[in-house]
């Protein structure tokens, strides 16, 4: 398995993904509200793993510049279709990864990653890239399904079985505290670990961190 196979998986499933409903709409609204409150109006923002742009469309109008990226060209194609129908001047969609963006000169006031970090193949490396993409004292705001904190049947049986038949992508196995430690090692100060879920146990914490 590789980055190319990850991109191919999301390309294949992009149309179905675009039609899927948000599992916890009220929790999603809490995350959006919290994120908007943390961003200054003149901020330059990067979103990684933006999918078809659901969060981007809701946040981009509140900042000066919003670059929304995903490794899947299929996801970005759908996002651009939506953007053509409902333009947001500050918003640009691009097919890119954190590692690829490292080759460019642009640096951001904030990086966002919603339901993203569990999908990367090199978590420490990706966090170091995010750290480098931020300007001084920049914010990294993320929500991440923490598979290790979930029901063991999901981790040990369901996910491996679904991956074996091509119905699930790569997913890293770590808990919220593991993720916090990785962020510290990458040069971030974790400011808050928040629960935004409105039903059931929250295994997808929202973490607000600042670049040291």
C-alpha atoms as a PDB file:
ATOM      1  CA  UNK A   1       0.000   0.000   0.000  1.00  0.00           C
ATOM      2  CA  UNK A   2       1.206   3.508  -0.793  1.00  0.00           C
ATOM      3  CA  UNK A   3       0.204   7.129  -1.107  1.00  0.00           C
ATOM      4  CA  UNK A   4      -0.854   6.398  -4.684  1.00  0.00           C
ATOM      5  CA  UNK A   5      -3.151   3.601  -3.537  1.00  0.00           C
ATOM      6  CA  UNK A   6      -4.621   5.911  -0.887  1.00  0.00           C
ATOM      7  CA  UNK A   7      -5.356   8.524  -3.558  1.00  0.00           C
ATOM      8  CA  UNK A   8      -6.892   5.860  -5.805  1.00  0.00           C
ATOM      9  CA  UNK A   9      -9.169   4.673  -2.968  1.00  0.00           C
ATOM     10  CA  UNK A  10     -10.507   8.188  -2.346  1.00  0.00           C
ATOM     11  CA  UNK A  11     -10.857   8.846  -6.088  1.00  0.00           C
ATOM     12  CA  UNK A  12     -13.029   5.714  -6.405  1.00  0.00           C
ATOM     13  CA  UNK A  13     -15.206   6.635  -3.452  1.00  0.00           C
ATOM     14  CA  UNK A  14     -15.354  10.424  -3.969  1.00  0.00           C
ATOM     15  CA  UNK A  15     -18.887  10.573  -5.421  1.00  0.00           C
ATOM     16  CA  UNK A  16     -20.295   8.334  -2.699  1.00  0.00           C
ATOM     17  CA  UNK A  17     -18.410  10.323  -0.086  1.00  0.00           C
ATOM     18  CA  UNK A  18     -19.888  13.563  -1.432  1.00  0.00           C
ATOM     19  CA  UNK A  19     -23.406  12.156  -1.008  1.00  0.00           C
ATOM     20  CA  UNK A  20     -22.860  10.816   2.512  1.00  0.00           C
ATOM     21  CA  UNK A  21     -24.433  12.506   5.520  1.00  0.00           C
ATOM     22  CA  UNK A  22     -22.461  13.969   8.429  1.00  0.00           C
ATOM     23  CA  UNK A  23     -22.740  11.506  11.314  1.00  0.00           C
ATOM     24  CA  UNK A  24     -23.117  14.155  14.036  1.00  0.00           C
ATOM     25  CA  UNK A  25     -24.252  17.461  12.476  1.00  0.00           C
ATOM     26  CA  UNK A  26     -24.477  19.279  15.818  1.00  0.00           C
ATOM     27  CA  UNK A  27     -20.969  18.154  16.774  1.00  0.00           C
ATOM     28  CA  UNK A  28     -19.692  19.292  13.388  1.00  0.00           C
ATOM     29  CA  UNK A  29     -21.276  22.703  13.966  1.00  0.00           C
ATOM     30  CA  UNK A  30     -19.477  22.957  17.307  1.00  0.00           C
ATOM     31  CA  UNK A  31     -16.165  22.276  15.602  1.00  0.00           C
ATOM     32  CA  UNK A  32     -16.840  24.876  12.923  1.00  0.00           C
ATOM     33  CA  UNK A  33     -17.867  27.471  15.495  1.00  0.00           C
ATOM     34  CA  UNK A  34     -14.788  26.817  17.619  1.00  0.00           C
ATOM     35  CA  UNK A  35     -12.503  26.996  14.594  1.00  0.00           C
ATOM     36  CA  UNK A  36     -13.961  30.254  13.301  1.00  0.00           C
ATOM     37  CA  UNK A  37     -13.578  31.783  16.769  1.00  0.00           C
ATOM     38  CA  UNK A  38      -9.848  30.954  16.751  1.00  0.00           C
ATOM     39  CA  UNK A  39      -9.115  32.466  13.330  1.00  0.00           C
ATOM     40  CA  UNK A  40      -8.401  36.149  12.746  1.00  0.00           C
ATOM     41  CA  UNK A  41     -10.170  37.850   9.798  1.00  0.00           C
ATOM     42  CA  UNK A  42      -6.820  38.534   8.083  1.00  0.00           C
ATOM     43  CA  UNK A  43      -5.558  34.964   8.547  1.00  0.00           C
ATOM     44  CA  UNK A  44      -4.085  32.806   5.809  1.00  0.00           C
ATOM     45  CA  UNK A  45      -5.382  29.270   6.364  1.00  0.00           C
ATOM     46  CA  UNK A  46      -4.449  25.869   4.945  1.00  0.00           C
ATOM     47  CA  UNK A  47      -6.749  22.866   5.223  1.00  0.00           C
ATOM     48  CA  UNK A  48      -5.288  19.405   4.674  1.00  0.00           C
ATOM     49  CA  UNK A  49      -7.487  16.472   3.719  1.00  0.00           C
ATOM     50  CA  UNK A  50     -10.398  18.746   2.823  1.00  0.00           C
ATOM     51  CA  UNK A  51     -12.364  16.079   0.947  1.00  0.00           C
ATOM     52  CA  UNK A  52     -15.101  17.706  -1.120  1.00  0.00           C
ATOM     53  CA  UNK A  53     -14.880  20.965   0.821  1.00  0.00           C
ATOM     54  CA  UNK A  54     -17.651  20.710   3.399  1.00  0.00           C
ATOM     55  CA  UNK A  55     -15.727  22.549   6.130  1.00  0.00           C
ATOM     56  CA  UNK A  56     -13.898  24.838   3.715  1.00  0.00           C
ATOM     57  CA  UNK A  57     -17.097  26.418   2.412  1.00  0.00           C
ATOM     58  CA  UNK A  58     -18.224  27.114   5.970  1.00  0.00           C
ATOM     59  CA  UNK A  59     -14.962  28.716   7.162  1.00  0.00           C
ATOM     60  CA  UNK A  60     -13.344  30.396   4.158  1.00  0.00           C
ATOM     61  CA  UNK A  61     -15.636  33.424   4.174  1.00  0.00           C
ATOM     62  CA  UNK A  62     -14.324  34.394   7.616  1.00  0.00           C
ATOM     63  CA  UNK A  63     -10.623  34.705   6.677  1.00  0.00           C
ATOM     64  CA  UNK A  64      -8.432  36.485   4.131  1.00  0.00           C
ATOM     65  CA  UNK A  65      -7.132  33.394   2.349  1.00  0.00           C
ATOM     66  CA  UNK A  66      -8.138  29.731   2.536  1.00  0.00           C
ATOM     67  CA  UNK A  67      -6.265  27.027   0.623  1.00  0.00           C
ATOM     68  CA  UNK A  68      -8.092  23.689   0.828  1.00  0.00           C
ATOM     69  CA  UNK A  69      -6.132  20.606  -0.257  1.00  0.00           C
ATOM     70  CA  UNK A  70      -6.577  16.881  -0.613  1.00  0.00           C
ATOM     71  CA  UNK A  71      -4.441  14.103  -2.091  1.00  0.00           C
ATOM     72  CA  UNK A  72      -7.457  12.880  -4.114  1.00  0.00           C
ATOM     73  CA  UNK A  73      -7.967  14.606  -7.454  1.00  0.00           C
ATOM     74  CA  UNK A  74     -11.480  13.153  -7.474  1.00  0.00           C
ATOM     75  CA  UNK A  75     -12.373  14.883  -4.223  1.00  0.00           C
ATOM     76  CA  UNK A  76     -10.925  18.182  -5.427  1.00  0.00           C
ATOM     77  CA  UNK A  77     -12.831  17.920  -8.723  1.00  0.00           C
ATOM     78  CA  UNK A  78     -16.116  17.709  -6.791  1.00  0.00           C
ATOM     79  CA  UNK A  79     -15.055  20.565  -4.521  1.00  0.00           C
ATOM     80  CA  UNK A  80     -14.315  22.718  -7.573  1.00  0.00           C
ATOM     81  CA  UNK A  81     -17.706  21.854  -9.075  1.00  0.00           C
ATOM     82  CA  UNK A  82     -19.329  23.079  -5.875  1.00  0.00           C
ATOM     83  CA  UNK A  83     -17.124  26.153  -5.840  1.00  0.00           C
ATOM     84  CA  UNK A  84     -18.115  27.033  -9.400  1.00  0.00           C
ATOM     85  CA  UNK A  85     -21.765  26.901  -8.344  1.00  0.00           C
ATOM     86  CA  UNK A  86     -21.247  28.889  -5.121  1.00  0.00           C
ATOM     87  CA  UNK A  87     -18.012  30.926  -5.373  1.00  0.00           C
ATOM     88  CA  UNK A  88     -16.177  32.017  -2.224  1.00  0.00           C
ATOM     89  CA  UNK A  89     -13.550  34.635  -3.174  1.00  0.00           C
ATOM     90  CA  UNK A  90     -11.037  33.697  -0.467  1.00  0.00           C
ATOM     91  CA  UNK A  91     -11.189  29.960  -1.234  1.00  0.00           C
ATOM     92  CA  UNK A  92      -8.913  27.923  -3.517  1.00  0.00           C
ATOM     93  CA  UNK A  93      -8.941  24.125  -3.887  1.00  0.00           C
ATOM     94  CA  UNK A  94      -5.787  22.189  -4.789  1.00  0.00           C
ATOM     95  CA  UNK A  95      -4.710  18.572  -5.127  1.00  0.00           C
ATOM     96  CA  UNK A  96      -1.718  18.431  -2.779  1.00  0.00           C
ATOM     97  CA  UNK A  97      -0.242  16.850   0.346  1.00  0.00           C
ATOM     98  CA  UNK A  98       1.516  18.468   3.293  1.00  0.00           C
ATOM     99  CA  UNK A  99       4.799  17.014   2.068  1.00  0.00           C
ATOM    100  CA  UNK A 100       4.371  18.522  -1.413  1.00  0.00           C
ATOM    101  CA  UNK A 101       3.457  21.933  -0.010  1.00  0.00           C
ATOM    102  CA  UNK A 102       6.725  21.941   1.932  1.00  0.00           C
ATOM    103  CA  UNK A 103       8.502  22.640  -1.361  1.00  0.00           C
ATOM    104  CA  UNK A 104       6.709  25.976  -1.679  1.00  0.00           C
ATOM    105  CA  UNK A 105       7.447  29.266   0.058  1.00  0.00           C
ATOM    106  CA  UNK A 106       3.950  29.957   1.437  1.00  0.00           C
ATOM    107  CA  UNK A 107       3.489  29.822   5.202  1.00  0.00           C
ATOM    108  CA  UNK A 108       0.155  29.987   7.014  1.00  0.00           C
ATOM    109  CA  UNK A 109      -1.324  31.466  10.172  1.00  0.00           C
ATOM    110  CA  UNK A 110      -3.333  28.288  10.753  1.00  0.00           C
ATOM    111  CA  UNK A 111      -3.467  24.729   9.441  1.00  0.00           C
ATOM    112  CA  UNK A 112      -6.662  22.696   9.775  1.00  0.00           C
ATOM    113  CA  UNK A 113      -7.040  18.929   9.551  1.00  0.00           C
ATOM    114  CA  UNK A 114     -10.546  17.567  10.098  1.00  0.00           C
ATOM    115  CA  UNK A 115     -10.735  13.739  10.202  1.00  0.00           C
ATOM    116  CA  UNK A 116      -7.315  13.697   8.594  1.00  0.00           C
ATOM    117  CA  UNK A 117      -4.378  12.636  10.784  1.00  0.00           C
ATOM    118  CA  UNK A 118      -5.503   9.006  11.212  1.00  0.00           C
ATOM    119  CA  UNK A 119      -5.285   8.630   7.415  1.00  0.00           C
ATOM    120  CA  UNK A 120      -1.656   9.679   6.967  1.00  0.00           C
ATOM    121  CA  UNK A 121       1.012   6.968   6.730  1.00  0.00           C
ATOM    122  CA  UNK A 122       3.779   8.816   8.605  1.00  0.00           C
ATOM    123  CA  UNK A 123       2.154  10.667  11.501  1.00  0.00           C
ATOM    124  CA  UNK A 124       5.380  12.102  13.019  1.00  0.00           C
ATOM    125  CA  UNK A 125       6.608  13.188   9.584  1.00  0.00           C
ATOM    126  CA  UNK A 126       3.303  14.801   8.644  1.00  0.00           C
ATOM    127  CA  UNK A 127       3.196  16.702  11.934  1.00  0.00           C
ATOM    128  CA  UNK A 128       6.715  18.009  11.276  1.00  0.00           C
ATOM    129  CA  UNK A 129       5.567  19.182   7.835  1.00  0.00           C
ATOM    130  CA  UNK A 130       2.561  20.954   9.362  1.00  0.00           C
ATOM    131  CA  UNK A 131       4.869  22.615  11.893  1.00  0.00           C
ATOM    132  CA  UNK A 132       7.078  23.888   9.059  1.00  0.00           C
ATOM    133  CA  UNK A 133       4.081  25.142   7.045  1.00  0.00           C
ATOM    134  CA  UNK A 134       3.023  27.399   9.903  1.00  0.00           C
ATOM    135  CA  UNK A 135       4.332  30.865  10.609  1.00  0.00           C
ATOM    136  CA  UNK A 136       5.519  31.866  14.076  1.00  0.00           C
ATOM    137  CA  UNK A 137       2.973  30.981  16.761  1.00  0.00           C
ATOM    138  CA  UNK A 138       0.688  29.500  14.110  1.00  0.00           C
ATOM    139  CA  UNK A 139      -2.273  27.334  15.113  1.00  0.00           C
ATOM    140  CA  UNK A 140      -2.947  23.724  14.169  1.00  0.00           C
ATOM    141  CA  UNK A 141      -6.599  22.747  14.695  1.00  0.00           C
ATOM    142  CA  UNK A 142      -7.586  19.124  14.132  1.00  0.00           C
ATOM    143  CA  UNK A 143     -10.247  16.538  14.758  1.00  0.00           C
ATOM    144  CA  UNK A 144      -9.014  12.962  14.609  1.00  0.00           C
ATOM    145  CA  UNK A 145     -10.720   9.575  15.041  1.00  0.00           C
ATOM    146  CA  UNK A 146      -8.507   7.889  17.635  1.00  0.00           C
ATOM    147  CA  UNK A 147      -8.838   4.227  16.725  1.00  0.00           C
ATOM    148  CA  UNK A 148      -7.019   2.927  19.815  1.00  0.00           C
ATOM    149  CA  UNK A 149      -9.665   4.549  22.040  1.00  0.00           C
ATOM    150  CA  UNK A 150     -12.525   2.874  20.152  1.00  0.00           C
ATOM    151  CA  UNK A 151     -14.192  -0.486  20.717  1.00  0.00           C
ATOM    152  CA  UNK A 152     -11.474  -3.160  20.222  1.00  0.00           C
ATOM    153  CA  UNK A 153     -13.728  -4.968  17.735  1.00  0.00           C
ATOM    154  CA  UNK A 154     -13.424  -1.997  15.391  1.00  0.00           C
ATOM    155  CA  UNK A 155      -9.641  -1.926  15.668  1.00  0.00           C
ATOM    156  CA  UNK A 156      -8.990  -5.674  15.620  1.00  0.00           C
ATOM    157  CA  UNK A 157     -11.721  -7.027  13.360  1.00  0.00           C
ATOM    158  CA  UNK A 158     -13.871  -4.563  11.451  1.00  0.00           C
ATOM    159  CA  UNK A 159     -11.196  -2.246  10.032  1.00  0.00           C
ATOM    160  CA  UNK A 160      -8.795  -5.025   8.912  1.00  0.00           C
ATOM    161  CA  UNK A 161     -11.665  -6.896   7.265  1.00  0.00           C
ATOM    162  CA  UNK A 162     -12.909  -3.805   5.434  1.00  0.00           C
ATOM    163  CA  UNK A 163      -9.399  -2.922   4.271  1.00  0.00           C
ATOM    164  CA  UNK A 164      -8.889  -6.460   2.997  1.00  0.00           C
ATOM    165  CA  UNK A 165     -11.869  -6.126   0.632  1.00  0.00           C
ATOM    166  CA  UNK A 166     -11.067  -2.543  -0.389  1.00  0.00           C
ATOM    167  CA  UNK A 167     -13.899  -0.942   1.573  1.00  0.00           C
ATOM    168  CA  UNK A 168     -11.741   1.082   3.991  1.00  0.00           C
ATOM    169  CA  UNK A 169      -8.571   3.158   3.630  1.00  0.00           C
ATOM    170  CA  UNK A 170      -5.375   2.953   5.638  1.00  0.00           C
ATOM    171  CA  UNK A 171      -6.026   4.081   9.224  1.00  0.00           C
ATOM    172  CA  UNK A 172      -3.378   4.695  11.859  1.00  0.00           C
ATOM    173  CA  UNK A 173      -3.987   3.169  15.290  1.00  0.00           C
ATOM    174  CA  UNK A 174      -3.330   5.600  18.139  1.00  0.00           C
ATOM    175  CA  UNK A 175      -5.169   7.208  21.043  1.00  0.00           C
ATOM    176  CA  UNK A 176      -5.758  10.842  21.949  1.00  0.00           C
ATOM    177  CA  UNK A 177      -2.884  10.866  24.416  1.00  0.00           C
ATOM    178  CA  UNK A 178      -0.577   9.272  21.832  1.00  0.00           C
ATOM    179  CA  UNK A 179      -1.536  12.001  19.382  1.00  0.00           C
ATOM    180  CA  UNK A 180      -0.886  14.708  21.957  1.00  0.00           C
ATOM    181  CA  UNK A 181       2.602  13.272  22.582  1.00  0.00           C
ATOM    182  CA  UNK A 182       3.353  13.190  18.857  1.00  0.00           C
ATOM    183  CA  UNK A 183       2.316  16.840  18.579  1.00  0.00           C
ATOM    184  CA  UNK A 184       4.598  17.803  21.453  1.00  0.00           C
ATOM    185  CA  UNK A 185       7.501  15.955  19.833  1.00  0.00           C
ATOM    186  CA  UNK A 186       6.838  17.785  16.535  1.00  0.00           C
ATOM    187  CA  UNK A 187       7.155  21.172  18.237  1.00  0.00           C
ATOM    188  CA  UNK A 188       3.589  22.016  19.220  1.00  0.00           C
ATOM    189  CA  UNK A 189       2.134  23.157  22.532  1.00  0.00           C
ATOM    190  CA  UNK A 190      -1.275  21.519  22.945  1.00  0.00           C
ATOM    191  CA  UNK A 191      -3.625  24.256  24.155  1.00  0.00           C
ATOM    192  CA  UNK A 192      -6.845  22.251  24.373  1.00  0.00           C
ATOM    193  CA  UNK A 193      -8.280  18.770  23.834  1.00  0.00           C
ATOM    194  CA  UNK A 194     -12.038  19.176  23.437  1.00  0.00           C
ATOM    195  CA  UNK A 195     -15.063  16.952  22.956  1.00  0.00           C
ATOM    196  CA  UNK A 196     -17.550  18.303  20.431  1.00  0.00           C
ATOM    197  CA  UNK A 197     -19.673  15.169  20.032  1.00  0.00           C
ATOM    198  CA  UNK A 198     -23.338  15.460  20.935  1.00  0.00           C
ATOM    199  CA  UNK A 199     -24.082  11.747  21.183  1.00  0.00           C
ATOM    200  CA  UNK A 200     -22.213   8.743  22.538  1.00  0.00           C
ATOM    201  CA  UNK A 201     -18.550   8.510  23.470  1.00  0.00           C
ATOM    202  CA  UNK A 202     -16.314  10.981  21.647  1.00  0.00           C
ATOM    203  CA  UNK A 203     -13.365   9.141  20.083  1.00  0.00           C
ATOM    204  CA  UNK A 204     -12.669  12.056  17.735  1.00  0.00           C
ATOM    205  CA  UNK A 205     -11.293  14.885  19.889  1.00  0.00           C
ATOM    206  CA  UNK A 206     -10.731  18.398  18.629  1.00  0.00           C
ATOM    207  CA  UNK A 207      -7.146  19.398  19.478  1.00  0.00           C
ATOM    208  CA  UNK A 208      -5.956  23.002  19.335  1.00  0.00           C
ATOM    209  CA  UNK A 209      -2.167  23.339  19.244  1.00  0.00           C
ATOM    210  CA  UNK A 210       0.278  26.203  18.735  1.00  0.00           C
ATOM    211  CA  UNK A 211       3.663  26.104  17.048  1.00  0.00           C
ATOM    212  CA  UNK A 212       6.499  26.630  19.507  1.00  0.00           C
END
